[in-house]
Amino acid sequence: MVEKTLPGGYWPHVFDPLRSFGSKVADWLAPPSEACSDDDAYNISVELPGVAERDIDVTVDNGLVTIKGEKKTSHEEKGETWYFSERQYGSFSRSFRLPADADEGAVKADLRDGVLKISVAKIAPAKGAENKKIPINIA
């Protein structure tokens, strides 16, 4: 009798759904965001309701914009009975890879009405770089 085994054995396949569980939880806790661009800049908007400016850190390093922060709770009410709570508290981190033509030295961040808006300017293409005729030297 020949015994058949799956590539990689049987048990690793059973645990496949659990392997990505940590990243799925992180995605669920990450703040909702959107990214777009126009002719002049790349724009990122992140929903951060209830997060104070002092609790947000925006960095740009080696083509990566990273937003870290923490939503804190400091409100306490005694004597109330809570039946459920859908509010989320804790730290978060979200990163965005910038395209090659993004100017890391020209980044702006504004927080208004619970939405963080980040704008990264585009590097203007060099004038005359397109369609430049290259002379050929004869040896």
C-alpha atoms as a PDB file:
ATOM      1  CA  MET A   1       0.000   0.000   0.000  1.00  0.00           C
ATOM      2  CA  VAL A   2       1.339   3.449  -0.978  1.00  0.00           C
ATOM      3  CA  GLU A   3       0.610   6.297   1.411  1.00  0.00           C
ATOM      4  CA  LYS A   4      -0.188   9.640  -0.203  1.00  0.00           C
ATOM      5  CA  THR A   5       0.707  12.888   1.502  1.00  0.00           C
ATOM      6  CA  LEU A   6      -0.067  16.435   0.534  1.00  0.00           C
ATOM      7  CA  PRO A   7       2.830  18.757  -0.291  1.00  0.00           C
ATOM      8  CA  GLY A   8       4.019  20.205   2.986  1.00  0.00           C
ATOM      9  CA  GLY A   9       2.241  17.516   5.019  1.00  0.00           C
ATOM     10  CA  TYR A  10      -1.319  17.522   6.344  1.00  0.00           C
ATOM     11  CA  TRP A  11      -1.125  19.660   9.481  1.00  0.00           C
ATOM     12  CA  PRO A  12       0.157  22.893   7.967  1.00  0.00           C
ATOM     13  CA  HIS A  13      -3.024  23.133   5.883  1.00  0.00           C
ATOM     14  CA  VAL A  14      -5.196  22.890   8.975  1.00  0.00           C
ATOM     15  CA  PHE A  15      -3.460  25.934  10.489  1.00  0.00           C
ATOM     16  CA  ASP A  16      -3.443  28.079   7.311  1.00  0.00           C
ATOM     17  CA  PRO A  17      -6.458  30.197   8.385  1.00  0.00           C
ATOM     18  CA  LEU A  18      -4.737  30.998  11.692  1.00  0.00           C
ATOM     19  CA  ARG A  19      -1.459  32.107  10.092  1.00  0.00           C
ATOM     20  CA  SER A  20      -2.899  35.375   8.844  1.00  0.00           C
ATOM     21  CA  PHE A  21      -5.133  35.955  11.874  1.00  0.00           C
ATOM     22  CA  GLY A  22      -2.805  38.579  13.401  1.00  0.00           C
ATOM     23  CA  SER A  23      -2.738  40.682  10.227  1.00  0.00           C
ATOM     24  CA  LYS A  24      -6.538  40.398   9.893  1.00  0.00           C
ATOM     25  CA  VAL A  25      -7.003  41.716  13.439  1.00  0.00           C
ATOM     26  CA  ALA A  26      -4.555  44.561  12.731  1.00  0.00           C
ATOM     27  CA  ASP A  27      -6.491  45.459   9.559  1.00  0.00           C
ATOM     28  CA  TRP A  28      -9.747  45.478  11.524  1.00  0.00           C
ATOM     29  CA  LEU A  29      -8.324  47.835  14.152  1.00  0.00           C
ATOM     30  CA  ALA A  30      -6.580  50.117  11.627  1.00  0.00           C
ATOM     31  CA  PRO A  31      -8.385  53.389  10.983  1.00  0.00           C
ATOM     32  CA  PRO A  32     -10.291  53.664   7.680  1.00  0.00           C
ATOM     33  CA  SER A  33      -8.420  55.598   5.022  1.00  0.00           C
ATOM     34  CA  GLU A  34      -8.348  56.584   1.380  1.00  0.00           C
ATOM     35  CA  ALA A  35      -5.580  57.635  -0.974  1.00  0.00           C
ATOM     36  CA  CYS A  36      -5.742  59.542  -4.233  1.00  0.00           C
ATOM     37  CA  SER A  37      -3.653  61.887  -6.333  1.00  0.00           C
ATOM     38  CA  ASP A  38      -4.030  64.955  -8.474  1.00  0.00           C
ATOM     39  CA  ASP A  39      -1.597  66.723 -10.791  1.00  0.00           C
ATOM     40  CA  ASP A  40       0.427  68.216  -7.916  1.00  0.00           C
ATOM     41  CA  ALA A  41       0.313  65.790  -4.968  1.00  0.00           C
ATOM     42  CA  TYR A  42      -0.545  62.449  -3.430  1.00  0.00           C
ATOM     43  CA  ASN A  43      -3.276  62.763  -0.805  1.00  0.00           C
ATOM     44  CA  ILE A  44      -4.052  60.426   2.078  1.00  0.00           C
ATOM     45  CA  SER A  45      -7.055  60.819   4.389  1.00  0.00           C
ATOM     46  CA  VAL A  46      -7.378  58.808   7.591  1.00  0.00           C
ATOM     47  CA  GLU A  47     -10.415  58.811   9.880  1.00  0.00           C
ATOM     48  CA  LEU A  48      -9.302  59.429  13.462  1.00  0.00           C
ATOM     49  CA  PRO A  49     -12.383  60.565  15.412  1.00  0.00           C
ATOM     50  CA  GLY A  50     -11.665  61.160  19.074  1.00  0.00           C
ATOM     51  CA  VAL A  51      -7.875  61.082  18.626  1.00  0.00           C
ATOM     52  CA  ALA A  52      -6.043  64.208  19.792  1.00  0.00           C
ATOM     53  CA  GLU A  53      -3.298  65.757  17.650  1.00  0.00           C
ATOM     54  CA  ARG A  54      -0.753  65.167  20.423  1.00  0.00           C
ATOM     55  CA  ASP A  55      -1.505  61.419  20.207  1.00  0.00           C
ATOM     56  CA  ILE A  56      -0.724  61.179  16.473  1.00  0.00           C
ATOM     57  CA  ASP A  57       2.733  60.712  14.968  1.00  0.00           C
ATOM     58  CA  VAL A  58       3.269  61.052  11.195  1.00  0.00           C
ATOM     59  CA  THR A  59       6.667  60.115   9.755  1.00  0.00           C
ATOM     60  CA  VAL A  60       8.124  59.778   6.267  1.00  0.00           C
ATOM     61  CA  ASP A  61      11.105  57.497   5.824  1.00  0.00           C
ATOM     62  CA  ASN A  62      12.551  55.905   2.723  1.00  0.00           C
ATOM     63  CA  GLY A  63       9.375  56.186   0.659  1.00  0.00           C
ATOM     64  CA  LEU A  64       6.986  55.132   3.421  1.00  0.00           C
ATOM     65  CA  VAL A  65       4.469  57.359   5.218  1.00  0.00           C
ATOM     66  CA  THR A  66       3.606  55.918   8.636  1.00  0.00           C
ATOM     67  CA  ILE A  67       0.821  57.135  10.892  1.00  0.00           C
ATOM     68  CA  LYS A  68       0.890  55.952  14.496  1.00  0.00           C
ATOM     69  CA  GLY A  69      -1.296  56.981  17.350  1.00  0.00           C
ATOM     70  CA  GLU A  70      -3.485  56.057  20.244  1.00  0.00           C
ATOM     71  CA  LYS A  71      -7.123  56.640  20.997  1.00  0.00           C
ATOM     72  CA  LYS A  72      -7.399  57.102  24.735  1.00  0.00           C
ATOM     73  CA  THR A  73     -10.376  57.020  27.015  1.00  0.00           C
ATOM     74  CA  SER A  74     -10.415  59.246  30.058  1.00  0.00           C
ATOM     75  CA  HIS A  75     -14.140  59.458  30.703  1.00  0.00           C
ATOM     76  CA  GLU A  76     -15.523  57.585  33.690  1.00  0.00           C
ATOM     77  CA  GLU A  77     -19.114  57.471  34.840  1.00  0.00           C
ATOM     78  CA  LYS A  78     -20.114  55.707  38.020  1.00  0.00           C
ATOM     79  CA  GLY A  79     -23.571  54.411  38.618  1.00  0.00           C
ATOM     80  CA  GLU A  80     -24.411  53.741  34.952  1.00  0.00           C
ATOM     81  CA  THR A  81     -25.067  50.277  33.644  1.00  0.00           C
ATOM     82  CA  TRP A  82     -23.498  49.537  30.281  1.00  0.00           C
ATOM     83  CA  TYR A  83     -25.206  47.011  28.076  1.00  0.00           C
ATOM     84  CA  PHE A  84     -22.742  47.157  25.206  1.00  0.00           C
ATOM     85  CA  SER A  85     -19.906  49.272  23.857  1.00  0.00           C
ATOM     86  CA  GLU A  86     -18.816  49.435  20.214  1.00  0.00           C
ATOM     87  CA  ARG A  87     -16.152  52.055  20.789  1.00  0.00           C
ATOM     88  CA  GLN A  88     -12.546  51.162  20.126  1.00  0.00           C
ATOM     89  CA  TYR A  89      -9.568  52.320  22.163  1.00  0.00           C
ATOM     90  CA  GLY A  90      -5.900  51.561  21.841  1.00  0.00           C
ATOM     91  CA  SER A  91      -2.919  52.156  19.602  1.00  0.00           C
ATOM     92  CA  PHE A  92      -2.893  51.935  15.827  1.00  0.00           C
ATOM     93  CA  SER A  93      -0.404  52.109  12.990  1.00  0.00           C
ATOM     94  CA  ARG A  94      -0.956  52.509   9.270  1.00  0.00           C
ATOM     95  CA  SER A  95       1.688  52.773   6.518  1.00  0.00           C
ATOM     96  CA  PHE A  96       1.523  53.837   2.878  1.00  0.00           C
ATOM     97  CA  ARG A  97       4.223  53.257   0.235  1.00  0.00           C
ATOM     98  CA  LEU A  98       4.894  56.409  -1.813  1.00  0.00           C
ATOM     99  CA  PRO A  99       5.485  56.374  -5.579  1.00  0.00           C
ATOM    100  CA  ALA A 100       8.950  57.245  -6.890  1.00  0.00           C
ATOM    101  CA  ASP A 101       7.935  60.780  -7.889  1.00  0.00           C
ATOM    102  CA  ALA A 102       6.790  61.759  -4.365  1.00  0.00           C
ATOM    103  CA  ASP A 103       8.747  64.565  -2.704  1.00  0.00           C
ATOM    104  CA  GLU A 104       9.450  63.382   0.866  1.00  0.00           C
ATOM    105  CA  GLY A 105      10.642  66.883   1.741  1.00  0.00           C
ATOM    106  CA  ALA A 106       7.259  68.443   0.926  1.00  0.00           C
ATOM    107  CA  VAL A 107       4.741  66.752   3.219  1.00  0.00           C
ATOM    108  CA  LYS A 108       1.850  68.509   4.976  1.00  0.00           C
ATOM    109  CA  ALA A 109      -0.548  67.087   7.566  1.00  0.00           C
ATOM    110  CA  ASP A 110      -3.796  68.662   8.791  1.00  0.00           C
ATOM    111  CA  LEU A 111      -6.271  67.342  11.366  1.00  0.00           C
ATOM    112  CA  ARG A 112      -9.813  68.670  11.128  1.00  0.00           C
ATOM    113  CA  ASP A 113     -13.123  67.198  12.309  1.00  0.00           C
ATOM    114  CA  GLY A 114     -11.532  63.841  13.116  1.00  0.00           C
ATOM    115  CA  VAL A 115      -9.930  63.390   9.683  1.00  0.00           C
ATOM    116  CA  LEU A 116      -6.162  63.521   9.205  1.00  0.00           C
ATOM    117  CA  LYS A 117      -5.244  64.731   5.716  1.00  0.00           C
ATOM    118  CA  ILE A 118      -1.708  64.211   4.466  1.00  0.00           C
ATOM    119  CA  SER A 119      -0.463  65.745   1.242  1.00  0.00           C
ATOM    120  CA  VAL A 120       2.836  64.724  -0.369  1.00  0.00           C
ATOM    121  CA  ALA A 121       3.917  66.915  -3.288  1.00  0.00           C
ATOM    122  CA  LYS A 122       4.981  65.347  -6.548  1.00  0.00           C
ATOM    123  CA  ILE A 123       8.439  66.058  -7.928  1.00  0.00           C
ATOM    124  CA  ALA A 124       8.107  68.092 -11.090  1.00  0.00           C
ATOM    125  CA  PRO A 125       9.590  66.304 -14.097  1.00  0.00           C
ATOM    126  CA  ALA A 126      12.753  67.890 -15.437  1.00  0.00           C
ATOM    127  CA  LYS A 127      12.016  70.252 -18.286  1.00  0.00           C
ATOM    128  CA  GLY A 128      13.331  69.081 -21.588  1.00  0.00           C
ATOM    129  CA  ALA A 129      13.915  65.560 -20.250  1.00  0.00           C
ATOM    130  CA  GLU A 130      11.307  64.154 -22.591  1.00  0.00           C
ATOM    131  CA  ASN A 131      12.204  63.648 -26.205  1.00  0.00           C
ATOM    132  CA  LYS A 132      15.758  64.911 -25.921  1.00  0.00           C
ATOM    133  CA  LYS A 133      17.887  64.092 -28.944  1.00  0.00           C
ATOM    134  CA  ILE A 134      21.198  62.469 -28.065  1.00  0.00           C
ATOM    135  CA  PRO A 135      24.078  63.109 -30.452  1.00  0.00           C
ATOM    136  CA  ILE A 136      26.013  60.084 -31.656  1.00  0.00           C
ATOM    137  CA  ASN A 137      29.794  60.323 -31.683  1.00  0.00           C
ATOM    138  CA  ILE A 138      31.675  58.703 -34.553  1.00  0.00           C
ATOM    139  CA  ALA A 139      34.819  56.909 -33.473  1.00  0.00           C
END
